C-alpha atoms as a PDB file:
ATOM      1  CA  MET A   1       1.293 -16.941  -1.687  1.00  0.00           C
ATOM      2  CA  ILE A   2       3.340 -18.259  -2.903  1.00  0.00           C
ATOM      3  CA  ARG A   3       6.674 -20.603  -1.902  1.00  0.00           C
ATOM      4  CA  ASN A   4       9.283 -20.538  -4.452  1.00  0.00           C
ATOM      5  CA  GLY A   5      12.517 -22.417  -2.773  1.00  0.00           C
ATOM      6  CA  GLY A   6      11.102 -22.077   0.253  1.00  0.00           C
ATOM      7  CA  THR A   7      10.319 -18.773   0.570  1.00  0.00           C
ATOM      8  CA  LYS A   8       6.883 -16.814   0.716  1.00  0.00           C
ATOM      9  CA  GLN A   9       6.060 -14.301  -2.055  1.00  0.00           C
ATOM     10  CA  ILE A  10       3.096 -12.357  -1.610  1.00  0.00           C
ATOM     11  CA  ILE A  11       1.316 -11.887  -5.151  1.00  0.00           C
ATOM     12  CA  PHE A  12      -1.159  -8.860  -5.043  1.00  0.00           C
ATOM     13  CA  SER A  13      -4.267  -8.428  -7.205  1.00  0.00           C
ATOM     14  CA  TYR A  14      -7.431  -6.872  -6.610  1.00  0.00           C
ATOM     15  CA  VAL A  15     -10.290  -8.385  -9.415  1.00  0.00           C
ATOM     16  CA  GLY A  16     -13.314  -6.107  -9.553  1.00  0.00           C
ATOM     17  CA  GLN A  17     -16.495  -5.637 -11.732  1.00  0.00           C
ATOM     18  CA  SER A  18     -16.532  -3.268 -14.410  1.00  0.00           C
ATOM     19  CA  LYS A  19     -19.821  -1.546 -15.004  1.00  0.00           C
ATOM     20  CA  GLY A  20     -20.955  -3.607 -17.560  1.00  0.00           C
ATOM     21  CA  GLY A  21     -20.454  -6.978 -15.171  1.00  0.00           C
ATOM     22  CA  GLU A  22     -17.188  -8.358 -16.593  1.00  0.00           C
ATOM     23  CA  LEU A  23     -14.350  -9.152 -14.379  1.00  0.00           C
ATOM     24  CA  MET A  24     -10.983  -6.980 -14.825  1.00  0.00           C
ATOM     25  CA  ASP A  25      -7.668  -6.744 -13.311  1.00  0.00           C
ATOM     26  CA  LEU A  26      -7.277  -3.847 -11.606  1.00  0.00           C
ATOM     27  CA  MET A  27      -3.203  -4.356 -10.503  1.00  0.00           C
ATOM     28  CA  ALA A  28      -2.680  -5.278 -14.258  1.00  0.00           C
ATOM     29  CA  ASN A  29       1.557  -6.398 -13.095  1.00  0.00           C
ATOM     30  CA  ARG A  30       2.055  -2.914 -11.098  1.00  0.00           C
ATOM     31  CA  THR A  31       3.369  -2.953  -7.567  1.00  0.00           C
ATOM     32  CA  ILE A  32       1.430  -1.304  -4.778  1.00  0.00           C
ATOM     33  CA  ILE A  33       3.314   2.159  -5.212  1.00  0.00           C
ATOM     34  CA  ASP A  34       2.612   2.184  -9.043  1.00  0.00           C
ATOM     35  CA  LEU A  35      -0.827   2.183  -7.990  1.00  0.00           C
ATOM     36  CA  LEU A  36      -0.610   4.193  -5.250  1.00  0.00           C
ATOM     37  CA  GLN A  37       1.503   7.312  -7.471  1.00  0.00           C
ATOM     38  CA  GLU A  38      -1.501   6.772 -10.521  1.00  0.00           C
ATOM     39  CA  LYS A  39      -3.924   7.334  -8.015  1.00  0.00           C
ATOM     40  CA  CYS A  40      -1.843   9.908  -6.262  1.00  0.00           C
ATOM     41  CA  ARG A  41      -1.860  11.686  -9.860  1.00  0.00           C
ATOM     42  CA  MET A  42      -5.308  11.276  -9.944  1.00  0.00           C
ATOM     43  CA  TYR A  43      -7.058  12.584  -6.680  1.00  0.00           C
ATOM     44  CA  GLY A  44      -3.743  14.356  -4.993  1.00  0.00           C
ATOM     45  CA  ASP A  45      -5.610  16.410  -2.135  1.00  0.00           C
ATOM     46  CA  LYS A  46      -8.680  14.613  -1.883  1.00  0.00           C
ATOM     47  CA  PRO A  47      -8.746  11.724   1.475  1.00  0.00           C
ATOM     48  CA  PHE A  48      -7.100   8.699   0.951  1.00  0.00           C
ATOM     49  CA  LEU A  49      -7.590   7.531   4.758  1.00  0.00           C
ATOM     50  CA  LEU A  50      -9.345   7.833   7.615  1.00  0.00           C
ATOM     51  CA  PHE A  51      -9.029   6.402  11.063  1.00  0.00           C
ATOM     52  CA  GLU A  52      -9.904   7.444  14.633  1.00  0.00           C
ATOM     53  CA  ASP A  53      -7.064   7.117  16.741  1.00  0.00           C
ATOM     54  CA  ASN A  54      -6.106   5.542  20.400  1.00  0.00           C
ATOM     55  CA  HIS A  55      -7.107   9.077  21.884  1.00  0.00           C
ATOM     56  CA  LYS A  56     -10.735   9.026  19.408  1.00  0.00           C
ATOM     57  CA  LYS A  57      -9.125  11.963  17.030  1.00  0.00           C
ATOM     58  CA  VAL A  58      -9.802  11.445  13.488  1.00  0.00           C
ATOM     59  CA  VAL A  59      -7.009  11.220  11.219  1.00  0.00           C
ATOM     60  CA  LYS A  60      -6.578  12.191   7.705  1.00  0.00           C
ATOM     61  CA  TYR A  61      -4.577  11.612   4.956  1.00  0.00           C
ATOM     62  CA  THR A  62      -4.630  12.788   1.668  1.00  0.00           C
ATOM     63  CA  TYR A  63      -3.366  10.683  -1.680  1.00  0.00           C
ATOM     64  CA  HIS A  64       0.104  12.727  -1.015  1.00  0.00           C
ATOM     65  CA  GLY A  65      -0.190  12.830   2.495  1.00  0.00           C
ATOM     66  CA  PHE A  66      -0.059   8.957   2.436  1.00  0.00           C
ATOM     67  CA  LEU A  67       2.211   8.683  -0.320  1.00  0.00           C
ATOM     68  CA  ASN A  68       4.623  11.072   1.556  1.00  0.00           C
ATOM     69  CA  ARG A  69       4.939   9.319   4.424  1.00  0.00           C
ATOM     70  CA  VAL A  70       4.938   6.264   2.619  1.00  0.00           C
ATOM     71  CA  ASP A  71       7.924   7.531   0.810  1.00  0.00           C
ATOM     72  CA  LYS A  72       9.619   8.607   4.157  1.00  0.00           C
ATOM     73  CA  LEU A  73       9.413   5.176   5.244  1.00  0.00           C
ATOM     74  CA  SER A  74      10.856   3.720   2.029  1.00  0.00           C
ATOM     75  CA  HIS A  75      13.825   5.628   3.026  1.00  0.00           C
ATOM     76  CA  VAL A  76      14.089   4.833   6.897  1.00  0.00           C
ATOM     77  CA  LEU A  77      13.925   1.152   5.510  1.00  0.00           C
ATOM     78  CA  TYR A  78      16.595   1.449   2.919  1.00  0.00           C
ATOM     79  CA  HIS A  79      18.866   3.153   5.687  1.00  0.00           C
ATOM     80  CA  PHE A  80      18.561   0.012   7.851  1.00  0.00           C
ATOM     81  CA  GLY A  81      19.613  -2.289   5.178  1.00  0.00           C
ATOM     82  CA  VAL A  82      16.070  -3.423   3.812  1.00  0.00           C
ATOM     83  CA  LYS A  83      16.911  -3.305   0.025  1.00  0.00           C
ATOM     84  CA  LYS A  84      14.864  -4.407  -3.746  1.00  0.00           C
ATOM     85  CA  GLY A  85      14.408  -8.152  -3.247  1.00  0.00           C
ATOM     86  CA  ARG A  86      14.858  -8.533   0.612  1.00  0.00           C
ATOM     87  CA  GLN A  87      12.249  -9.938   2.606  1.00  0.00           C
ATOM     88  CA  SER A  88      11.189  -8.085   6.193  1.00  0.00           C
ATOM     89  CA  ASP A  89       8.229  -8.057   8.343  1.00  0.00           C
ATOM     90  CA  ILE A  90       6.601  -5.421   9.894  1.00  0.00           C
ATOM     91  CA  ALA A  91       4.999  -5.716  13.208  1.00  0.00           C
ATOM     92  CA  SER A  92       2.330  -3.027  14.632  1.00  0.00           C
ATOM     93  CA  PRO A  93       0.421  -3.222  18.111  1.00  0.00           C
ATOM     94  CA  GLN A  94      -2.925  -4.892  18.400  1.00  0.00           C
ATOM     95  CA  LEU A  95      -5.997  -2.410  17.227  1.00  0.00           C
ATOM     96  CA  ARG A  96      -8.939  -2.562  19.083  1.00  0.00           C
END
């Protein structure tokens, strides 16, 4: 996290290792949505996220399905005035 003029900015970076052992920056100055769209083009209908909900039901999202939900959420946030450059928080219930 970087503080700049009293504001907080979260910078995402993911460093992995290639098969040869050298470190590589997998984000390469891309946003999370850029990375998700790229992976969606590559893996589309393959599983992206699996989890068990509060009723013990396993929920599965494919790359396309997850990107669709992200897109819907972004439209709702935009409708409520959250625009590029504006900071916001997301609160969710505590999971156990």
